Amino acid sequence: AEAASRSSDMFDEIVMAEERFHGEGYQEGYAEGSHVGVVEGRRYGSLHGAKIGSEIGCYLGFALTWRCLLQKCMDEKNSKKIRALDSLIGMLQKFPYEDPTYDKLQEDLEKIRGKLKQVCSMLNIQSDFRIGTERSSLTF
C-alpha cells in the first residue's frame, strides 16, 4: 500500500509540475510579449508622429511663404487667396500634433489636407506633397 501511495504521489508531482511549468511559461511569455509590444508600439508611434510633424511643418512653411509673396501685391484676387492661406495657417497652428491622445487627429489632418488642396487650386498650383522618412519633396 505504501508503494502504491508513493507512486501516486510521484504521478501527482508530475501532473502538478506540468501545470506549474505551463503557468510559469505563460507568465514569462506574457511579460516578454508585453515588453516587446511596448517597444514596438513606441517605435511605431515615434515614426508615425515624425511623419505627421514633417507633414504639418511642410504645409506651414508652404503657406507662410505664399502668404508673404502675395502680400507684396495686394488686390482683390490676392485678398481671397490670403484669406484662404490665413485659414490654412490657423488650422495648422491649432493642430495639436504634440498630443498623441487627441482623438480627432486624423479627422483634423484630413481637413487640413482638404484646405491645402483648395489653396493650391486658388494659386493654380498642381501640388504633390510626398512626405516620407527617406526624403521629403514638394513638386510643382
Protein backbone atom coordinates (compact mmCIF):
# COMPACT_ATOMS: atom_id res chain seq x y z
CA ALA A 1 0.00 0.00 0.00
CA GLU A 2 2.92 2.32 0.77
CA ALA A 3 4.45 1.71 -2.68
CA ALA A 4 1.14 2.48 -4.37
CA SER A 5 0.82 5.67 -2.32
CA ARG A 6 4.38 6.70 -3.23
CA SER A 7 3.82 6.11 -6.98
CA SER A 8 0.56 8.05 -6.73
CA ASP A 9 2.45 10.97 -5.13
CA MET A 10 5.07 10.85 -7.92
CA PHE A 11 2.30 10.84 -10.52
CA ASP A 12 0.67 13.84 -8.80
CA GLU A 13 4.01 15.64 -8.77
CA ILE A 14 4.45 15.01 -12.50
CA VAL A 15 0.94 16.27 -13.25
CA MET A 16 1.39 19.28 -10.94
CA ALA A 17 4.84 20.03 -12.45
CA GLU A 18 3.30 20.18 -15.90
CA GLU A 19 0.66 22.65 -14.68
CA ARG A 20 3.27 24.68 -12.80
CA PHE A 21 5.59 24.85 -15.84
CA HIS A 22 2.65 25.76 -18.04
CA GLY A 23 1.74 28.61 -15.65
CA GLU A 24 5.34 29.85 -15.37
CA GLY A 25 5.80 29.65 -19.14
CA TYR A 26 2.60 31.61 -19.65
CA GLN A 27 3.73 34.32 -17.20
CA GLU A 28 7.17 34.59 -18.81
CA GLY A 29 5.66 34.69 -22.30
CA TYR A 30 3.12 37.31 -21.27
CA ALA A 31 5.81 39.52 -19.69
CA GLU A 32 8.09 39.18 -22.74
CA GLY A 33 5.19 39.85 -25.14
CA SER A 34 4.15 42.93 -23.17
CA HIS A 35 7.71 44.29 -23.26
CA VAL A 36 8.10 43.65 -27.00
CA GLY A 37 4.66 45.21 -27.62
CA VAL A 38 5.61 48.38 -25.73
CA VAL A 39 8.93 48.69 -27.58
CA GLU A 40 7.29 48.06 -30.96
CA GLY A 41 4.43 50.45 -30.15
CA ARG A 42 6.84 53.20 -29.11
CA ARG A 43 8.88 52.75 -32.32
CA TYR A 44 5.75 52.85 -34.49
CA GLY A 45 4.39 55.87 -32.60
CA SER A 46 7.65 57.78 -32.98
CA LEU A 47 7.82 57.07 -36.71
CA HIS A 48 4.16 57.95 -37.30
CA GLY A 49 4.46 61.09 -35.15
CA ALA A 50 7.55 62.21 -37.05
CA LYS A 51 5.70 61.83 -40.37
CA ILE A 52 2.77 63.93 -39.15
CA GLY A 53 5.15 66.55 -37.75
CA SER A 54 7.01 66.71 -41.07
CA GLU A 55 3.77 66.99 -43.00
CA ILE A 56 2.40 69.82 -40.81
CA GLY A 57 5.76 71.63 -40.91
CA CYS A 58 5.94 71.35 -44.70
CA TYR A 59 2.40 72.71 -45.13
CA LEU A 60 3.03 75.57 -42.70
CA GLY A 61 6.25 76.59 -44.46
CA PHE A 62 4.45 76.45 -47.81
CA ALA A 63 1.51 78.56 -46.55
CA LEU A 64 3.63 81.17 -44.79
CA THR A 65 5.88 81.58 -47.85
CA TRP A 66 2.94 82.06 -50.21
CA ARG A 67 1.27 84.49 -47.81
CA CYS A 68 4.45 86.57 -47.73
CA LEU A 69 4.71 86.54 -51.54
CA LEU A 70 1.07 87.56 -52.05
CA GLN A 71 1.21 90.43 -49.56
CA LYS A 72 3.58 92.29 -51.90
CA CYS A 73 0.82 92.77 -54.46
CA MET A 74 -2.50 93.39 -52.72
CA ASP A 75 -5.54 93.27 -54.99
CA GLU A 76 -8.97 91.61 -54.76
CA LYS A 77 -7.78 88.26 -56.15
CA ASN A 78 -4.82 88.13 -53.80
CA SER A 79 -7.02 89.16 -50.89
CA LYS A 80 -9.14 85.99 -51.36
CA LYS A 81 -6.02 83.86 -51.63
CA ILE A 82 -4.57 85.43 -48.49
CA ARG A 83 -7.81 84.74 -46.58
CA ALA A 84 -7.65 81.09 -47.67
CA LEU A 85 -3.98 80.92 -46.65
CA ASP A 86 -4.79 82.53 -43.29
CA SER A 87 -7.46 79.91 -42.72
CA LEU A 88 -4.97 77.12 -43.53
CA ILE A 89 -2.28 78.71 -41.33
CA GLY A 90 -4.78 78.95 -38.46
CA MET A 91 -5.69 75.27 -38.82
CA LEU A 92 -2.02 74.29 -38.89
CA GLN A 93 -1.13 76.38 -35.85
CA LYS A 94 -4.05 74.97 -33.82
CA PHE A 95 -3.29 71.36 -34.78
CA PRO A 96 -2.32 69.56 -31.54
CA TYR A 97 0.37 67.34 -33.03
CA GLU A 98 2.17 67.25 -29.67
CA ASP A 99 -0.82 65.42 -28.07
CA PRO A 100 -0.76 61.72 -29.08
CA THR A 101 -4.09 61.09 -27.31
CA TYR A 102 -6.01 63.67 -29.37
CA ASP A 103 -8.97 61.70 -30.67
CA LYS A 104 -9.69 63.85 -33.75
CA LEU A 105 -6.11 63.88 -35.01
CA GLN A 106 -6.86 62.01 -38.27
CA GLU A 107 -10.08 63.94 -38.84
CA ASP A 108 -8.33 67.32 -38.43
CA LEU A 109 -5.42 66.17 -40.59
CA GLU A 110 -7.88 65.33 -43.40
CA LYS A 111 -9.50 68.79 -43.05
CA ILE A 112 -6.06 70.39 -43.34
CA ARG A 113 -5.27 68.33 -46.45
CA GLY A 114 -8.59 69.40 -47.97
CA LYS A 115 -7.91 73.07 -47.22
CA LEU A 116 -4.42 72.71 -48.70
CA LYS A 117 -5.91 71.35 -51.95
CA GLN A 118 -8.32 74.31 -52.05
CA VAL A 119 -5.45 76.77 -51.52
CA CYS A 120 -3.33 75.10 -54.21
CA SER A 121 -6.27 75.27 -56.60
CA MET A 122 -6.69 79.00 -55.91
CA LEU A 123 -2.97 79.51 -56.51
CA ASN A 124 -3.10 77.44 -59.72
CA ILE A 125 -0.54 75.03 -58.33
CA GLN A 126 -0.50 71.33 -59.12
CA SER A 127 0.89 70.14 -55.83
CA ASP A 128 2.22 66.74 -54.98
CA PHE A 129 3.25 66.67 -51.34
CA ARG A 130 5.11 63.45 -50.59
CA ILE A 131 6.25 63.11 -47.02
CA GLY A 132 8.36 60.10 -46.17
CA THR A 133 11.10 59.02 -43.83
CA GLU A 134 13.65 58.66 -46.62
CA ARG A 135 13.00 62.09 -48.17
CA SER A 136 10.56 64.95 -48.31
CA SER A 137 9.71 66.63 -51.56
CA LEU A 138 7.35 69.23 -52.90
CA THR A 139 6.89 69.21 -56.64
CA PHE A 140 5.05 71.66 -58.86
